[in-house]
Amino acid sequence: ISSFQVYIIQVSVGSHQWVVKHRYSDFHDLHEKLVSEKKIDKNLLPPKKIIGKNSKSLVEKRQKELEVYLQTLLLKFPITAPKVLSHFLHFHLYVS
């Protein structure tokens, strides 16, 4: 039986706020694309943890780290986010 954690991240852009839900593997896929296409620092994404990955304290810590990761990306692309990031953050649903 495989279990996985979904991280619920609040996104804020200007006066818009919404929530996105993604697994760590989704963040990893996004990061790989940004590293290859936009030359993002490959160490920006918090590392994958294997042992105790579903412990409450680790989940909370990683959630905070992933929020910081997304905020950092948004600061890096203040005018136009790359398409892959826009899709990941569901911009098409919230920002007109």
N, C-alpha and C. Protein backbone atom coordinates (compact mmCIF):
# COMPACT_ATOMS: atom_id res chain seq x y z
N ILE A 1 0.87 -1.18 0.00
CA ILE A 1 0.00 0.00 0.00
C ILE A 1 0.90 1.23 0.00
N SER A 2 0.63 2.12 -0.92
CA SER A 2 1.44 3.33 -0.97
C SER A 2 0.61 4.50 -0.47
N SER A 3 1.21 5.31 0.37
CA SER A 3 0.52 6.49 0.85
C SER A 3 1.35 7.71 0.46
N PHE A 4 0.69 8.81 0.27
CA PHE A 4 1.42 10.01 -0.09
C PHE A 4 0.78 11.21 0.59
N GLN A 5 1.58 12.24 0.73
CA GLN A 5 1.15 13.46 1.39
C GLN A 5 0.82 14.51 0.34
N VAL A 6 -0.31 15.16 0.50
CA VAL A 6 -0.66 16.30 -0.35
C VAL A 6 -0.43 17.56 0.48
N TYR A 7 0.33 18.47 -0.08
CA TYR A 7 0.63 19.73 0.61
C TYR A 7 -0.34 20.80 0.13
N ILE A 8 -0.93 21.50 1.09
CA ILE A 8 -1.89 22.55 0.80
C ILE A 8 -1.16 23.88 1.03
N ILE A 9 -0.96 24.61 -0.05
CA ILE A 9 -0.13 25.82 0.00
C ILE A 9 -0.98 27.02 -0.37
N GLN A 10 -0.92 28.05 0.47
CA GLN A 10 -1.61 29.31 0.17
C GLN A 10 -0.72 30.15 -0.73
N VAL A 11 -1.31 30.65 -1.82
CA VAL A 11 -0.58 31.48 -2.77
C VAL A 11 -1.16 32.89 -2.71
N SER A 12 -0.28 33.88 -2.70
CA SER A 12 -0.71 35.28 -2.70
C SER A 12 0.02 36.02 -3.81
N VAL A 13 -0.75 36.64 -4.68
CA VAL A 13 -0.18 37.49 -5.72
C VAL A 13 -0.99 38.78 -5.71
N GLY A 14 -0.36 39.87 -5.29
CA GLY A 14 -1.08 41.12 -5.15
C GLY A 14 -2.20 40.94 -4.14
N SER A 15 -3.41 41.30 -4.53
CA SER A 15 -4.56 41.16 -3.62
C SER A 15 -5.26 39.81 -3.78
N HIS A 16 -4.78 38.99 -4.69
CA HIS A 16 -5.38 37.66 -4.92
C HIS A 16 -4.75 36.63 -3.99
N GLN A 17 -5.59 35.79 -3.40
CA GLN A 17 -5.11 34.67 -2.59
C GLN A 17 -5.91 33.43 -2.94
N TRP A 18 -5.23 32.30 -3.01
CA TRP A 18 -5.91 31.04 -3.24
C TRP A 18 -5.03 29.91 -2.74
N VAL A 19 -5.55 28.71 -2.80
CA VAL A 19 -4.84 27.53 -2.30
C VAL A 19 -4.59 26.56 -3.44
N VAL A 20 -3.39 25.99 -3.46
CA VAL A 20 -3.09 24.91 -4.40
C VAL A 20 -2.73 23.67 -3.58
N LYS A 21 -3.03 22.51 -4.14
CA LYS A 21 -2.75 21.24 -3.47
C LYS A 21 -1.91 20.38 -4.41
N HIS A 22 -0.73 20.00 -3.93
CA HIS A 22 0.17 19.19 -4.75
C HIS A 22 0.95 18.21 -3.88
N ARG A 23 1.33 17.10 -4.48
CA ARG A 23 2.23 16.15 -3.85
C ARG A 23 3.65 16.66 -4.01
N TYR A 24 4.56 16.15 -3.20
CA TYR A 24 5.95 16.55 -3.33
C TYR A 24 6.46 16.24 -4.73
N SER A 25 6.04 15.12 -5.29
CA SER A 25 6.52 14.75 -6.63
C SER A 25 6.12 15.79 -7.68
N ASP A 26 4.97 16.48 -7.47
CA ASP A 26 4.56 17.56 -8.39
C ASP A 26 5.55 18.73 -8.29
N PHE A 27 5.94 19.05 -7.05
CA PHE A 27 6.93 20.12 -6.86
C PHE A 27 8.25 19.73 -7.53
N HIS A 28 8.63 18.47 -7.36
CA HIS A 28 9.88 17.99 -7.94
C HIS A 28 9.84 18.10 -9.47
N ASP A 29 8.73 17.69 -10.08
CA ASP A 29 8.59 17.78 -11.54
C ASP A 29 8.67 19.23 -12.00
N LEU A 30 7.97 20.11 -11.30
CA LEU A 30 8.02 21.55 -11.62
C LEU A 30 9.46 22.04 -11.53
N HIS A 31 10.12 21.68 -10.46
CA HIS A 31 11.49 22.15 -10.23
C HIS A 31 12.43 21.69 -11.33
N GLU A 32 12.32 20.42 -11.72
CA GLU A 32 13.17 19.89 -12.80
C GLU A 32 12.99 20.70 -14.08
N LYS A 33 11.75 21.04 -14.41
CA LYS A 33 11.47 21.83 -15.63
C LYS A 33 12.06 23.23 -15.50
N LEU A 34 11.91 23.84 -14.33
CA LEU A 34 12.43 25.20 -14.14
C LEU A 34 13.96 25.22 -14.14
N VAL A 35 14.58 24.19 -13.59
CA VAL A 35 16.04 24.11 -13.59
C VAL A 35 16.54 24.03 -15.03
N SER A 36 15.90 23.19 -15.84
CA SER A 36 16.38 23.02 -17.22
C SER A 36 15.99 24.19 -18.12
N GLU A 37 14.79 24.74 -17.96
CA GLU A 37 14.32 25.79 -18.87
C GLU A 37 14.73 27.19 -18.43
N LYS A 38 14.74 27.44 -17.12
CA LYS A 38 14.94 28.81 -16.61
C LYS A 38 16.19 28.96 -15.76
N LYS A 39 16.98 27.89 -15.68
CA LYS A 39 18.24 27.93 -14.93
C LYS A 39 18.05 28.31 -13.46
N ILE A 40 16.97 27.81 -12.85
CA ILE A 40 16.73 28.01 -11.42
C ILE A 40 17.79 27.22 -10.64
N ASP A 41 18.19 27.73 -9.49
CA ASP A 41 19.15 27.02 -8.64
C ASP A 41 18.58 25.66 -8.25
N LYS A 42 19.29 24.61 -8.59
CA LYS A 42 18.76 23.26 -8.34
C LYS A 42 18.63 22.94 -6.85
N ASN A 43 19.31 23.72 -6.00
CA ASN A 43 19.22 23.49 -4.55
C ASN A 43 18.07 24.25 -3.89
N LEU A 44 17.29 24.95 -4.68
CA LEU A 44 16.20 25.77 -4.13
C LEU A 44 15.08 24.91 -3.53
N LEU A 45 14.79 23.79 -4.17
CA LEU A 45 13.71 22.91 -3.68
C LEU A 45 14.18 22.15 -2.45
N PRO A 46 13.36 22.12 -1.38
CA PRO A 46 13.73 21.32 -0.20
C PRO A 46 13.95 19.86 -0.61
N PRO A 47 14.93 19.20 -0.02
CA PRO A 47 15.24 17.83 -0.43
C PRO A 47 14.14 16.83 -0.08
N LYS A 48 14.12 15.77 -0.85
CA LYS A 48 13.17 14.69 -0.58
C LYS A 48 13.65 13.91 0.64
N LYS A 49 12.73 13.62 1.52
CA LYS A 49 13.08 12.85 2.72
C LYS A 49 12.38 11.49 2.63
N ILE A 50 13.07 10.46 3.02
CA ILE A 50 12.50 9.12 2.95
C ILE A 50 12.01 8.66 4.32
N ILE A 51 12.85 8.74 5.35
CA ILE A 51 12.52 8.22 6.68
C ILE A 51 11.60 9.19 7.40
N GLY A 52 10.49 8.69 7.90
CA GLY A 52 9.57 9.52 8.67
C GLY A 52 8.87 10.57 7.84
N LYS A 53 8.73 10.31 6.53
CA LYS A 53 8.21 11.35 5.64
C LYS A 53 6.76 11.74 5.94
N ASN A 54 6.03 10.88 6.63
CA ASN A 54 4.64 11.22 6.94
C ASN A 54 4.42 11.65 8.39
N SER A 55 5.52 11.86 9.13
CA SER A 55 5.35 12.33 10.50
C SER A 55 4.81 13.76 10.46
N LYS A 56 3.96 14.07 11.43
CA LYS A 56 3.28 15.37 11.42
C LYS A 56 4.28 16.53 11.42
N SER A 57 5.32 16.44 12.23
CA SER A 57 6.29 17.55 12.30
C SER A 57 7.03 17.72 10.98
N LEU A 58 7.39 16.62 10.32
CA LEU A 58 8.09 16.73 9.04
C LEU A 58 7.16 17.29 7.97
N VAL A 59 5.91 16.85 7.97
CA VAL A 59 4.93 17.35 6.99
C VAL A 59 4.77 18.86 7.16
N GLU A 60 4.63 19.32 8.41
CA GLU A 60 4.47 20.76 8.66
C GLU A 60 5.72 21.53 8.24
N LYS A 61 6.88 21.00 8.55
CA LYS A 61 8.14 21.65 8.18
C LYS A 61 8.27 21.73 6.67
N ARG A 62 8.00 20.62 5.99
CA ARG A 62 8.12 20.63 4.53
C ARG A 62 7.10 21.56 3.91
N GLN A 63 5.89 21.62 4.45
CA GLN A 63 4.88 22.51 3.91
C GLN A 63 5.38 23.96 3.95
N LYS A 64 5.97 24.35 5.07
CA LYS A 64 6.53 25.70 5.19
C LYS A 64 7.65 25.92 4.17
N GLU A 65 8.51 24.92 4.03
CA GLU A 65 9.62 25.02 3.06
C GLU A 65 9.10 25.14 1.63
N LEU A 66 8.03 24.42 1.32
CA LEU A 66 7.46 24.49 -0.03
C LEU A 66 6.79 25.84 -0.26
N GLU A 67 6.18 26.41 0.78
CA GLU A 67 5.61 27.76 0.66
C GLU A 67 6.72 28.76 0.35
N VAL A 68 7.82 28.67 1.07
CA VAL A 68 8.96 29.56 0.82
C VAL A 68 9.49 29.35 -0.60
N TYR A 69 9.56 28.11 -1.04
CA TYR A 69 10.01 27.79 -2.40
C TYR A 69 9.14 28.52 -3.43
N LEU A 70 7.82 28.41 -3.29
CA LEU A 70 6.93 29.07 -4.25
C LEU A 70 7.04 30.59 -4.17
N GLN A 71 7.14 31.13 -2.97
CA GLN A 71 7.30 32.58 -2.83
C GLN A 71 8.59 33.05 -3.50
N THR A 72 9.65 32.28 -3.35
CA THR A 72 10.92 32.61 -3.99
C THR A 72 10.78 32.60 -5.51
N LEU A 73 10.08 31.61 -6.04
CA LEU A 73 9.87 31.56 -7.49
C LEU A 73 9.07 32.77 -7.97
N LEU A 74 8.04 33.14 -7.22
CA LEU A 74 7.22 34.29 -7.61
C LEU A 74 8.05 35.57 -7.59
N LEU A 75 8.96 35.69 -6.64
CA LEU A 75 9.83 36.87 -6.59
C LEU A 75 10.82 36.86 -7.76
N LYS A 76 11.23 35.68 -8.17
CA LYS A 76 12.20 35.55 -9.26
C LYS A 76 11.56 35.91 -10.61
N PHE A 77 10.26 35.72 -10.72
CA PHE A 77 9.55 36.02 -11.97
C PHE A 77 8.43 37.02 -11.68
N PRO A 78 8.78 38.28 -11.33
CA PRO A 78 7.75 39.24 -10.88
C PRO A 78 6.80 39.70 -11.98
N ILE A 79 7.24 39.70 -13.21
CA ILE A 79 6.39 40.20 -14.30
C ILE A 79 5.56 39.07 -14.91
N THR A 80 6.23 38.08 -15.44
CA THR A 80 5.55 36.97 -16.09
C THR A 80 6.13 35.65 -15.61
N ALA A 81 5.31 34.87 -14.95
CA ALA A 81 5.77 33.55 -14.50
C ALA A 81 5.88 32.62 -15.71
N PRO A 82 6.86 31.72 -15.70
CA PRO A 82 6.94 30.72 -16.77
C PRO A 82 5.64 29.92 -16.84
N LYS A 83 5.30 29.48 -18.03
CA LYS A 83 4.04 28.76 -18.25
C LYS A 83 3.88 27.58 -17.29
N VAL A 84 4.93 26.81 -17.08
CA VAL A 84 4.85 25.64 -16.21
C VAL A 84 4.53 26.05 -14.76
N LEU A 85 5.07 27.19 -14.32
CA LEU A 85 4.78 27.68 -12.97
C LEU A 85 3.35 28.22 -12.89
N SER A 86 2.94 28.96 -13.90
CA SER A 86 1.57 29.49 -13.94
C SER A 86 0.55 28.36 -13.87
N HIS A 87 0.80 27.30 -14.61
CA HIS A 87 -0.10 26.15 -14.62
C HIS A 87 -0.12 25.48 -13.24
N PHE A 88 1.06 25.30 -12.65
CA PHE A 88 1.20 24.68 -11.34
C PHE A 88 0.41 25.45 -10.28
N LEU A 89 0.44 26.77 -10.37
CA LEU A 89 -0.24 27.63 -9.40
C LEU A 89 -1.69 27.93 -9.77
N HIS A 90 -2.15 27.36 -10.87
CA HIS A 90 -3.53 27.54 -11.34
C HIS A 90 -3.88 29.01 -11.59
N PHE A 91 -2.90 29.78 -12.10
CA PHE A 91 -3.17 31.19 -12.41
C PHE A 91 -4.39 31.35 -13.30
N HIS A 92 -4.55 30.44 -14.24
CA HIS A 92 -5.66 30.54 -15.20
C HIS A 92 -7.03 30.53 -14.52
N LEU A 93 -7.10 30.02 -13.30
CA LEU A 93 -8.38 29.97 -12.58
C LEU A 93 -8.63 31.21 -11.75
N TYR A 94 -7.57 31.94 -11.38
CA TYR A 94 -7.73 32.99 -10.38
C TYR A 94 -7.34 34.39 -10.84
N VAL A 95 -6.41 34.51 -11.75
CA VAL A 95 -5.96 35.84 -12.14
C VAL A 95 -6.47 36.14 -13.54
N SER A 96 -7.20 37.24 -13.65
CA SER A 96 -7.78 37.56 -14.95
C SER A 96 -6.93 38.58 -15.68
